Protein backbone atom coordinates (compact mmCIF):
# COMPACT_ATOMS: atom_id res chain seq x y z
CA LEU A 1 -0.04 0.00 0.02
CA GLN A 2 2.92 2.34 0.46
CA GLN A 3 4.21 1.94 -3.03
CA PRO A 4 3.24 3.91 -6.07
CA ASN A 5 0.53 2.29 -8.34
CA THR A 6 1.13 2.50 -12.16
CA MET A 7 -0.51 1.15 -15.24
CA SER A 8 0.17 1.71 -18.98
CA ILE A 9 -1.56 0.81 -22.24
CA THR A 10 -0.80 1.37 -25.87
CA LYS A 11 -3.52 1.59 -28.58
CA LYS A 12 -3.25 1.83 -32.29
CA PHE A 13 -6.08 3.64 -34.10
CA ASN A 14 -6.89 4.76 -37.57
CA TYR A 15 -7.91 8.24 -38.75
CA LYS A 16 -8.65 9.89 -42.18
CA LEU A 17 -9.28 6.44 -43.60
CA VAL A 18 -5.69 5.69 -44.60
CA LYS A 19 -3.63 7.04 -41.70
CA SER A 20 -2.83 5.34 -38.40
CA GLY A 21 -1.20 6.28 -35.11
CA ASN A 22 -0.47 5.14 -31.56
CA ILE A 23 -1.51 6.45 -28.27
CA ILE A 24 0.46 5.51 -25.09
CA LEU A 25 -1.45 6.25 -21.88
CA THR A 26 0.39 5.86 -18.54
CA ALA A 27 -1.35 6.63 -15.11
CA THR A 28 0.54 6.62 -11.78
CA SER A 29 -0.81 7.24 -8.29
CA ASP A 30 1.50 8.05 -5.32
CA LEU A 31 0.19 5.28 -3.11
CA LYS A 32 -2.14 2.22 -3.19
CA GLY A 33 -3.93 2.94 0.04
CA TYR A 34 -5.59 6.12 1.38
CA ILE A 35 -7.86 7.38 4.16
CA VAL A 36 -10.80 9.77 4.22
CA GLY A 37 -9.66 13.37 3.60
CA GLN A 38 -6.35 12.38 1.97
CA ALA A 39 -5.32 13.60 -1.52
CA ILE A 40 -4.79 11.04 -4.25
CA GLN A 41 -1.79 12.42 -6.19
CA LEU A 42 -2.24 11.39 -9.75
CA ARG A 43 0.19 11.77 -12.73
CA THR A 44 -0.74 10.93 -16.31
CA ASP A 45 1.54 10.75 -19.29
CA ILE A 46 0.10 10.67 -22.75
CA GLU A 47 2.10 10.23 -25.94
CA ASN A 48 0.19 11.10 -29.04
CA LYS A 49 2.06 9.52 -31.90
CA SER A 50 -0.34 10.62 -34.60
CA GLY A 51 -1.36 13.61 -36.60
CA ARG A 52 -4.73 13.82 -34.88
CA ASP A 53 -5.64 15.66 -31.64
CA THR A 54 -7.11 13.52 -28.85
CA GLY A 55 -10.20 14.15 -26.95
CA ALA A 56 -10.29 15.28 -23.27
CA VAL A 57 -8.59 13.21 -20.58
CA VAL A 58 -10.67 12.24 -17.53
CA ALA A 59 -9.63 10.87 -14.19
CA SER A 60 -12.32 9.36 -11.91
CA LEU A 61 -12.62 7.88 -8.53
CA LEU A 62 -15.02 4.84 -8.86
CA GLN A 63 -16.77 2.84 -6.23
CA LYS A 64 -17.95 -0.79 -7.05
CA VAL A 65 -20.29 -2.32 -4.58
CA ALA A 66 -21.40 -5.98 -4.68
CA TYR A 67 -24.46 -7.08 -2.70
CA LYS A 68 -25.03 -10.77 -2.03
CA SER A 69 -28.62 -12.07 -1.71
CA LYS A 70 -29.97 -14.77 -3.91
CA ARG A 71 -27.50 -13.59 -6.53
CA TRP A 72 -24.83 -11.00 -6.63
CA ILE A 73 -25.98 -7.46 -7.42
CA TYR A 74 -23.32 -4.88 -8.60
CA ASP A 75 -23.49 -1.11 -8.30
CA LEU A 76 -20.84 1.07 -10.03
CA ARG A 77 -20.86 4.81 -9.41
CA THR A 78 -18.48 7.74 -9.92
CA ILE A 79 -17.49 9.47 -6.63
CA ALA A 80 -15.31 12.29 -8.11
CA GLU A 81 -14.11 13.31 -11.55
CA VAL A 82 -11.43 15.61 -12.94
CA GLU A 83 -11.20 16.50 -16.65
CA GLY A 84 -8.25 17.90 -18.58
CA SER A 85 -7.73 19.18 -22.07
CA GLY A 86 -6.85 16.93 -24.98
CA VAL A 87 -3.32 16.45 -26.46
CA LYS A 88 -2.34 17.97 -29.68
CA ALA A 89 -0.87 15.88 -32.45
CA TRP A 90 2.70 14.68 -32.11
CA LYS A 91 2.87 15.80 -28.46
CA HIS A 92 4.04 14.22 -25.27
CA ALA A 93 1.80 15.62 -22.52
CA GLU A 94 2.03 15.29 -18.74
CA TRP A 95 -0.97 15.87 -16.48
CA LYS A 96 -0.65 16.21 -12.63
CA GLU A 97 -3.85 16.40 -10.61
CA GLN A 98 -5.34 15.30 -7.21
CA ILE A 99 -8.56 13.81 -6.05
CA LEU A 100 -9.57 14.25 -2.42
CA VAL A 101 -11.10 11.14 -0.86
CA PRO A 102 -14.55 11.98 0.53
CA ALA A 103 -16.32 10.25 3.45
CA LEU A 104 -16.57 6.70 2.16
CA PRO A 105 -16.91 3.26 3.81
CA GLN A 106 -13.66 1.23 3.93
CA SER A 107 -12.75 -1.20 1.31
CA ILE A 108 -12.92 -4.12 3.81
CA LEU A 109 -16.01 -4.20 6.08
CA GLN A 110 -15.19 -6.21 9.14
CA GLY A 111 -17.66 -8.94 10.07
CA CYS A 112 -19.73 -8.42 6.84
CA SER A 113 -19.71 -10.94 4.20
CA LEU A 114 -22.78 -9.68 2.31
CA ILE A 115 -21.23 -6.49 1.00
CA HIS A 116 -17.98 -6.12 -0.90
CA ILE A 117 -16.60 -2.70 -1.77
CA ASP A 118 -13.88 -1.90 -4.24
CA TYR A 119 -12.37 1.38 -5.33
CA TYR A 120 -10.59 2.30 -8.58
CA ILE A 121 -8.86 5.25 -10.18
CA GLN A 122 -9.77 5.24 -13.90
CA VAL A 123 -7.96 7.52 -16.40
CA SER A 124 -9.41 7.54 -19.88
CA LEU A 125 -9.37 9.47 -23.17
CA LYS A 126 -12.67 10.34 -24.87
CA SER A 127 -11.06 10.10 -28.38
CA PRO A 128 -9.71 7.61 -29.30
CA GLU A 129 -11.41 5.64 -26.49
CA VAL A 130 -8.65 4.18 -24.24
CA SER A 131 -8.45 3.77 -20.49
CA VAL A 132 -6.39 2.43 -17.65
CA THR A 133 -7.64 1.33 -14.20
CA LEU A 134 -5.76 1.48 -10.95
CA PRO A 135 -7.22 -0.48 -7.95
CA ILE A 136 -6.87 1.36 -4.58
CA TYR A 137 -7.80 0.73 -0.95
CA ILE A 138 -9.57 3.04 1.39
CA GLY A 139 -9.08 2.44 5.11
CA ASN A 140 -8.84 4.24 8.47
CA ILE A 141 -5.06 4.17 9.09
CA ALA A 142 -2.78 6.30 6.99
CA VAL A 143 0.30 4.56 5.51
CA ASN A 144 3.63 6.23 5.49
CA ARG A 145 5.27 7.25 2.23
CA VAL A 146 8.43 5.29 1.51
CA PRO A 147 10.96 7.21 -0.54
CA LEU A 148 11.65 5.48 -3.86
CA SER A 149 15.14 4.06 -4.23
CA PRO A 150 16.99 4.80 -7.48
CA SER A 151 16.30 1.30 -8.70
CA ARG A 152 12.54 1.67 -8.09
CA SER A 153 12.08 5.19 -9.24
CA ILE A 154 9.39 5.76 -11.91
CA GLN A 155 11.13 6.61 -15.23
CA HIS A 156 9.59 6.97 -18.53
CA ILE A 157 11.08 4.56 -21.09
CA PRO A 158 10.27 5.36 -24.79
CA SER A 159 8.74 2.44 -26.55
CA VAL A 160 10.58 3.14 -29.82
CA VAL A 161 14.10 4.48 -30.19
CA VAL A 162 14.38 6.70 -33.25
CA PRO A 163 17.34 8.59 -34.70
CA SER A 164 17.51 12.38 -34.05
CA ALA A 165 17.76 13.10 -37.79
CA PRO A 166 16.41 10.28 -39.95
CA PRO A 167 16.95 10.30 -43.67
CA GLU A 168 14.24 11.94 -45.77
CA GLU A 169 13.21 8.88 -47.50
CA GLU A 170 12.89 6.90 -44.20
CA GLU A 171 11.00 9.82 -42.56
CA ALA A 172 8.49 9.83 -45.35
CA ALA A 173 8.03 6.06 -45.26
CA SER A 174 7.64 5.78 -41.46
CA GLY A 175 5.75 8.97 -40.87
CA TYR A 176 8.23 10.01 -38.10
CA HIS A 177 7.59 13.39 -36.46
CA PRO A 178 9.50 14.98 -33.59
CA MET A 179 7.44 15.12 -30.37
CA ASP A 180 7.24 18.22 -28.03
CA ASN A 181 6.68 17.94 -24.25
CA VAL A 182 3.74 19.92 -22.94
CA SER A 183 1.48 20.06 -19.86
CA ILE A 184 -2.23 19.53 -19.78
CA PRO A 185 -4.43 22.20 -18.17
CA THR A 186 -7.42 21.06 -16.08
CA LYS A 187 -10.82 22.04 -17.43
CA SER A 188 -13.25 20.90 -14.69
CA HIS A 189 -13.28 19.29 -11.29
CA SER A 190 -16.38 17.66 -9.72
CA GLN A 191 -14.83 17.04 -6.38
CA GLN A 192 -17.03 18.13 -3.36
CA GLN A 193 -16.12 21.05 -1.16
CA PRO A 194 -13.38 20.10 1.36
CA PHE A 195 -15.52 20.76 4.45
CA SER A 196 -18.07 18.27 3.43
CA TYR A 197 -15.82 15.23 3.79
CA ALA A 198 -12.55 16.20 5.48
CA PRO A 199 -13.10 15.86 9.24
CA GLY A 200 -11.46 18.52 11.41
CA LEU A 201 -11.57 21.29 8.85
CA SER A 202 -13.10 24.56 9.98
CA PHE A 203 -13.80 27.64 8.03
CA GLN A 204 -14.29 31.23 9.33
CA GLU A 205 -17.93 32.21 8.99
CA ILE A 206 -18.23 35.42 6.95
CA ARG A 207 -21.56 37.18 7.14
CA THR A 208 -22.51 40.08 5.05
CA ASP A 209 -24.60 42.99 6.08
CA SER A 210 -27.58 41.63 4.21
CA GLU A 211 -27.38 38.31 5.94
CA GLN A 212 -27.13 39.93 9.31
CA THR A 213 -30.11 42.27 8.93
CA GLY A 214 -32.23 40.02 6.77
CA SER A 215 -33.07 40.38 3.12
CA PRO A 216 -36.25 39.88 0.99
CA ASN A 217 -34.87 36.53 -0.25
CA HIS A 218 -34.25 35.18 3.16
CA PRO A 219 -37.08 35.08 5.82
CA THR A 220 -36.27 36.52 9.19
CA LEU A 221 -35.51 34.12 12.04
CA CYS A 222 -37.77 35.16 14.95
CA LEU A 223 -38.01 34.21 18.63
CA SER A 224 -41.24 35.10 20.51
CA THR A 225 -41.68 35.28 24.20
CA GLY A 226 -42.07 31.78 25.61
CA ALA A 227 -41.28 29.99 22.36
CA THR A 228 -39.31 26.84 22.59
CA VAL A 229 -38.02 26.82 19.00
CA PRO A 230 -37.11 29.51 16.57
CA TYR A 231 -39.36 30.02 13.50
CA TYR A 232 -39.23 31.88 10.16
CA ALA A 233 -41.58 34.72 9.34
CA GLU A 234 -42.23 36.25 6.03
CA GLY A 235 -42.25 40.04 5.53
CA ASN A 236 -40.86 42.79 7.67
CA VAL A 237 -41.22 41.28 11.20
CA VAL A 238 -39.44 42.62 14.26
CA PRO A 239 -37.93 39.75 16.23
CA VAL A 240 -38.97 39.62 19.93
CA PRO A 241 -36.37 38.18 22.27
CA THR A 242 -37.25 35.45 24.63
CA ALA A 243 -37.02 35.74 28.49
CA SER A 244 -34.42 33.05 28.66
CA SER A 245 -31.02 33.02 27.00
CA LEU A 246 -31.57 29.30 26.24
CA ILE A 247 -34.09 27.83 23.90
CA LEU A 248 -35.33 24.74 25.66
CA PRO A 249 -37.79 22.05 24.84
CA PRO A 250 -41.11 21.88 26.71
CA GLU A 251 -41.14 20.28 30.13
CA TYR A 252 -42.74 16.90 29.68
CA SER A 253 -42.06 15.42 33.08
CA THR A 254 -45.11 17.11 34.78
CA TRP A 255 -47.47 16.03 32.04
CA GLY A 256 -49.98 13.37 32.49
CA TYR A 257 -50.30 10.39 30.20
CA PRO A 258 -52.70 10.84 27.27
CA TYR A 259 -56.04 9.01 27.51
């Protein structure tokens, strides 16, 4: 669980009827196990060895739940999603993003054999359609990051070694084209707000004048004398403070039983 998780795939596709190209998609996460509120550091490398631009790249946190009754029932849903721009023709692009783990049940439910939960990070291209899937675990104890030794460091190894200046006839025959290194910008992020799933986070409450004095769009919160709970009133209503500083429920101990 402490080691990076990586997966790579190569896909050959055709475009413009007679032309073909290759896409090499590699996705790497910093760990294999996470806890709620932790950020999944994700790195994606895309080599577009074609004359056609790719579609957008999407990274998703997926939850797969299997319920056992008379037969197994599966439920697959997207928890969070990040979308980046496409890759231009003959470009080697790198995309670095993170996905925060929201409040989710653990991968292994102790004492429960009827529900199985699995989590995945899926990185995919919309065009051409190609994807890689990284299985991850979500628990309640954070793992320590172990620095990678030089022998285990993640290095990109080109699949094909080509000369720096090929002959013209060989270049025309093989369709070789120099590749530039670029970075992919992020287009959208569907992750929830941090305070909704990261325990312990607090944010300073900022109230505008309109919120303090009330506005036509928000009913006034009023307290009448002797009231046990606050209530909302429409229109211009002057709040009347209660006699007590605390709002308490009715005293039921002295009540008789209903008949």
